[in-house]
Each structure stands twice: as structure tokens, then as C-alpha cells.
Amino acid sequence: MRVNLYATYRDITGVKRLDLPGRTVAAVLAELIREQPAMAKELFSAEGRLSERVSIFRNGRDVRYLQGLETELAEDDVLDLFPPVAGG
């Protein structure tokens, strides 16, 4: 599973892309945090819920409109993780 990181996520991890195993979005994010522990506070609230400010897309579709963290993944899927964006 290819995971692309954007903007500040690249700065935090020092990488643009990772290849991680997982059959669901939740499983891939768990692997991401295992490899990059600093991402835990970026992705999840103190209560352990996915932050509403984080955008995760599977093959270009927002997982919020699929099955959220339980969205199933195929080996050739691509996840794109975007941090909150502000500006004007």
C-alpha cells in the first residue's frame, strides 16, 4: 500500500511516500504510527479519534464518504494524507 504524505506531514516524517501493509485505513495508519510515532498526535485526538482536520483519500476519494477508518484497501490502492490547511 503506497501512502503519500503532504505538506507538514513530509516535514514531520522526512519522507514523501511510504509503503505500508494493511487491509483497512485504520491498519495502515497503525503501521504509519508504528514507523513514525510523531504522526500519532497529528492524526488523532487525545481521545483516539481521527482528527476532523485531517484529510485521507483512497484513490482520490475522501474516506469519510466511504467507510472511514474501516474502509477496506487493496494492495494497489493509494492513500493520500493531507494535514489541515489554513491561509487566505
N, C-alpha and C. Protein backbone atom coordinates (compact mmCIF):
# COMPACT_ATOMS: atom_id res chain seq x y z
N MET A 1 0.85 -1.16 0.00
CA MET A 1 0.00 0.00 0.00
C MET A 1 0.90 1.23 0.00
N ARG A 2 0.74 2.06 -0.98
CA ARG A 2 1.51 3.31 -1.03
C ARG A 2 0.76 4.39 -0.26
N VAL A 3 1.48 5.08 0.59
CA VAL A 3 0.92 6.19 1.37
C VAL A 3 1.73 7.43 1.03
N ASN A 4 1.06 8.44 0.48
CA ASN A 4 1.70 9.71 0.14
C ASN A 4 1.41 10.71 1.26
N LEU A 5 2.45 11.40 1.69
CA LEU A 5 2.33 12.41 2.74
C LEU A 5 2.56 13.78 2.12
N TYR A 6 1.80 14.76 2.58
CA TYR A 6 1.87 16.10 2.01
C TYR A 6 2.16 17.15 3.07
N ALA A 7 2.72 18.27 2.61
CA ALA A 7 2.96 19.48 3.41
C ALA A 7 3.69 19.17 4.71
N THR A 8 3.12 19.56 5.84
CA THR A 8 3.82 19.39 7.13
C THR A 8 4.05 17.93 7.48
N TYR A 9 3.24 17.02 6.95
CA TYR A 9 3.47 15.59 7.23
C TYR A 9 4.81 15.15 6.64
N ARG A 10 5.19 15.72 5.52
CA ARG A 10 6.51 15.42 4.95
C ARG A 10 7.61 15.95 5.85
N ASP A 11 7.40 17.14 6.40
CA ASP A 11 8.39 17.72 7.30
C ASP A 11 8.55 16.88 8.56
N ILE A 12 7.46 16.42 9.11
CA ILE A 12 7.49 15.64 10.35
C ILE A 12 8.18 14.30 10.15
N THR A 13 7.87 13.63 9.04
CA THR A 13 8.40 12.28 8.82
C THR A 13 9.72 12.27 8.06
N GLY A 14 9.97 13.31 7.30
CA GLY A 14 11.17 13.34 6.47
C GLY A 14 11.06 12.53 5.19
N VAL A 15 9.84 12.10 4.86
CA VAL A 15 9.62 11.32 3.63
C VAL A 15 8.37 11.80 2.91
N LYS A 16 8.33 11.57 1.61
CA LYS A 16 7.16 11.90 0.80
C LYS A 16 6.20 10.72 0.68
N ARG A 17 6.77 9.51 0.76
CA ARG A 17 5.98 8.32 0.46
C ARG A 17 6.49 7.16 1.31
N LEU A 18 5.55 6.32 1.72
CA LEU A 18 5.87 5.09 2.45
C LEU A 18 5.09 3.95 1.82
N ASP A 19 5.63 2.76 1.91
CA ASP A 19 4.90 1.56 1.54
C ASP A 19 4.60 0.81 2.83
N LEU A 20 3.30 0.67 3.14
CA LEU A 20 2.89 0.08 4.41
C LEU A 20 1.85 -1.00 4.18
N PRO A 21 1.86 -2.04 5.01
CA PRO A 21 0.83 -3.07 4.90
C PRO A 21 -0.45 -2.65 5.61
N GLY A 22 -1.55 -3.28 5.25
CA GLY A 22 -2.82 -3.04 5.93
C GLY A 22 -3.99 -3.32 5.02
N ARG A 23 -5.04 -3.87 5.61
CA ARG A 23 -6.25 -4.19 4.84
C ARG A 23 -7.35 -3.15 5.00
N THR A 24 -7.15 -2.23 5.98
CA THR A 24 -8.09 -1.13 6.19
C THR A 24 -7.28 0.15 6.41
N VAL A 25 -7.96 1.27 6.31
CA VAL A 25 -7.29 2.55 6.57
C VAL A 25 -6.74 2.55 8.00
N ALA A 26 -7.51 2.05 8.95
CA ALA A 26 -7.05 2.02 10.35
C ALA A 26 -5.77 1.22 10.49
N ALA A 27 -5.68 0.08 9.83
CA ALA A 27 -4.49 -0.77 9.92
C ALA A 27 -3.27 -0.08 9.32
N VAL A 28 -3.46 0.59 8.21
CA VAL A 28 -2.34 1.32 7.57
C VAL A 28 -1.89 2.47 8.46
N LEU A 29 -2.84 3.19 9.06
CA LEU A 29 -2.46 4.29 9.95
C LEU A 29 -1.73 3.76 11.19
N ALA A 30 -2.12 2.61 11.68
CA ALA A 30 -1.42 2.00 12.82
C ALA A 30 0.03 1.69 12.45
N GLU A 31 0.24 1.18 11.25
CA GLU A 31 1.61 0.91 10.77
C GLU A 31 2.39 2.21 10.60
N LEU A 32 1.73 3.24 10.08
CA LEU A 32 2.37 4.54 9.91
C LEU A 32 2.86 5.06 11.27
N ILE A 33 2.01 4.98 12.27
CA ILE A 33 2.37 5.46 13.60
C ILE A 33 3.47 4.60 14.22
N ARG A 34 3.44 3.32 13.95
CA ARG A 34 4.50 2.43 14.45
C ARG A 34 5.85 2.86 13.88
N GLU A 35 5.87 3.21 12.60
CA GLU A 35 7.11 3.63 11.95
C GLU A 35 7.45 5.10 12.21
N GLN A 36 6.42 5.90 12.37
CA GLN A 36 6.60 7.35 12.54
C GLN A 36 5.75 7.81 13.74
N PRO A 37 6.20 7.55 14.97
CA PRO A 37 5.39 7.84 16.16
C PRO A 37 4.91 9.28 16.28
N ALA A 38 5.65 10.23 15.75
CA ALA A 38 5.24 11.64 15.83
C ALA A 38 3.93 11.90 15.10
N MET A 39 3.55 11.01 14.20
CA MET A 39 2.31 11.21 13.44
C MET A 39 1.06 10.94 14.28
N ALA A 40 1.19 10.26 15.39
CA ALA A 40 0.01 9.94 16.22
C ALA A 40 -0.73 11.19 16.63
N LYS A 41 -0.01 12.18 17.15
CA LYS A 41 -0.69 13.41 17.60
C LYS A 41 -1.17 14.26 16.44
N GLU A 42 -0.61 14.04 15.26
CA GLU A 42 -1.05 14.78 14.08
C GLU A 42 -2.36 14.24 13.53
N LEU A 43 -2.55 12.94 13.66
CA LEU A 43 -3.71 12.28 13.05
C LEU A 43 -4.89 12.09 13.99
N PHE A 44 -4.59 11.88 15.28
CA PHE A 44 -5.64 11.50 16.22
C PHE A 44 -5.77 12.48 17.37
N SER A 45 -6.99 12.62 17.88
CA SER A 45 -7.25 13.45 19.05
C SER A 45 -6.76 12.72 20.30
N ALA A 46 -6.78 13.41 21.43
CA ALA A 46 -6.37 12.80 22.69
C ALA A 46 -7.26 11.61 23.05
N GLU A 47 -8.50 11.62 22.54
CA GLU A 47 -9.44 10.52 22.80
C GLU A 47 -9.25 9.35 21.84
N GLY A 48 -8.32 9.50 20.90
CA GLY A 48 -8.05 8.41 19.96
C GLY A 48 -8.89 8.43 18.70
N ARG A 49 -9.64 9.50 18.48
CA ARG A 49 -10.44 9.61 17.26
C ARG A 49 -9.65 10.35 16.18
N LEU A 50 -9.90 9.96 14.94
CA LEU A 50 -9.25 10.65 13.82
C LEU A 50 -9.64 12.12 13.85
N SER A 51 -8.66 12.98 13.79
CA SER A 51 -8.92 14.41 13.81
C SER A 51 -9.76 14.81 12.60
N GLU A 52 -10.73 15.66 12.83
CA GLU A 52 -11.59 16.12 11.73
C GLU A 52 -10.83 16.99 10.75
N ARG A 53 -9.70 17.53 11.18
CA ARG A 53 -8.90 18.41 10.32
C ARG A 53 -8.04 17.65 9.32
N VAL A 54 -7.87 16.36 9.53
CA VAL A 54 -7.04 15.54 8.66
C VAL A 54 -7.87 15.05 7.48
N SER A 55 -7.29 15.08 6.29
CA SER A 55 -7.97 14.55 5.10
C SER A 55 -7.20 13.34 4.60
N ILE A 56 -7.94 12.24 4.45
CA ILE A 56 -7.36 11.00 3.94
C ILE A 56 -8.17 10.56 2.73
N PHE A 57 -7.46 10.35 1.63
CA PHE A 57 -8.11 9.95 0.39
C PHE A 57 -7.60 8.59 -0.06
N ARG A 58 -8.52 7.71 -0.42
CA ARG A 58 -8.16 6.44 -1.05
C ARG A 58 -8.45 6.58 -2.54
N ASN A 59 -7.41 6.49 -3.33
CA ASN A 59 -7.56 6.60 -4.78
C ASN A 59 -8.38 7.84 -5.17
N GLY A 60 -8.12 8.95 -4.45
CA GLY A 60 -8.77 10.21 -4.78
C GLY A 60 -10.12 10.44 -4.13
N ARG A 61 -10.61 9.48 -3.34
CA ARG A 61 -11.92 9.65 -2.69
C ARG A 61 -11.73 9.77 -1.19
N ASP A 62 -12.36 10.77 -0.60
CA ASP A 62 -12.27 11.01 0.83
C ASP A 62 -12.86 9.82 1.58
N VAL A 63 -12.08 9.24 2.50
CA VAL A 63 -12.55 8.05 3.21
C VAL A 63 -13.73 8.37 4.13
N ARG A 64 -13.94 9.64 4.46
CA ARG A 64 -15.11 10.00 5.27
C ARG A 64 -16.42 9.62 4.56
N TYR A 65 -16.38 9.64 3.23
CA TYR A 65 -17.57 9.32 2.45
C TYR A 65 -17.58 7.87 2.00
N LEU A 66 -16.62 7.11 2.46
CA LEU A 66 -16.59 5.66 2.22
C LEU A 66 -16.97 5.02 3.57
N GLN A 67 -16.08 4.26 4.15
CA GLN A 67 -16.36 3.66 5.46
C GLN A 67 -15.39 4.18 6.53
N GLY A 68 -14.87 5.38 6.34
CA GLY A 68 -13.97 5.96 7.33
C GLY A 68 -12.74 5.10 7.55
N LEU A 69 -12.36 4.94 8.80
CA LEU A 69 -11.18 4.15 9.12
C LEU A 69 -11.34 2.68 8.77
N GLU A 70 -12.56 2.23 8.64
CA GLU A 70 -12.81 0.82 8.29
C GLU A 70 -12.86 0.58 6.78
N THR A 71 -12.58 1.61 6.00
CA THR A 71 -12.53 1.46 4.54
C THR A 71 -11.52 0.38 4.18
N GLU A 72 -11.97 -0.61 3.44
CA GLU A 72 -11.09 -1.70 3.03
C GLU A 72 -10.18 -1.25 1.89
N LEU A 73 -8.98 -1.82 1.89
CA LEU A 73 -7.97 -1.44 0.92
C LEU A 73 -7.47 -2.64 0.14
N ALA A 74 -7.14 -2.40 -1.12
CA ALA A 74 -6.49 -3.41 -1.95
C ALA A 74 -5.01 -3.06 -2.01
N GLU A 75 -4.20 -4.03 -2.34
CA GLU A 75 -2.75 -3.83 -2.35
C GLU A 75 -2.29 -2.70 -3.27
N ASP A 76 -3.03 -2.47 -4.36
CA ASP A 76 -2.62 -1.44 -5.31
C ASP A 76 -3.30 -0.09 -5.07
N ASP A 77 -4.05 0.05 -3.98
CA ASP A 77 -4.65 1.33 -3.64
C ASP A 77 -3.57 2.32 -3.20
N VAL A 78 -3.93 3.59 -3.26
CA VAL A 78 -3.03 4.66 -2.81
C VAL A 78 -3.79 5.51 -1.80
N LEU A 79 -3.14 5.76 -0.65
CA LEU A 79 -3.69 6.67 0.34
C LEU A 79 -2.91 7.98 0.29
N ASP A 80 -3.64 9.09 0.28
CA ASP A 80 -3.04 10.42 0.34
C ASP A 80 -3.47 11.05 1.66
N LEU A 81 -2.50 11.50 2.46
CA LEU A 81 -2.77 12.12 3.75
C LEU A 81 -2.40 13.60 3.69
N PHE A 82 -3.40 14.45 3.95
CA PHE A 82 -3.22 15.90 3.92
C PHE A 82 -3.45 16.47 5.30
N PRO A 83 -2.55 17.33 5.78
CA PRO A 83 -2.76 18.00 7.06
C PRO A 83 -3.77 19.14 6.89
N PRO A 84 -4.18 19.71 8.01
CA PRO A 84 -5.06 20.88 7.91
C PRO A 84 -4.36 22.00 7.14
N VAL A 85 -5.15 22.72 6.36
CA VAL A 85 -4.59 23.83 5.57
C VAL A 85 -5.29 25.10 6.00
N ALA A 86 -4.50 26.13 6.21
CA ALA A 86 -5.05 27.43 6.57
C ALA A 86 -4.38 28.49 5.70
N GLY A 87 -5.02 29.57 5.62
CA GLY A 87 -4.43 30.66 4.84
C GLY A 87 -5.50 31.47 4.15
N GLY A 88 -5.06 32.36 3.35
CA GLY A 88 -6.06 33.18 2.71
C GLY A 88 -5.55 33.95 1.57
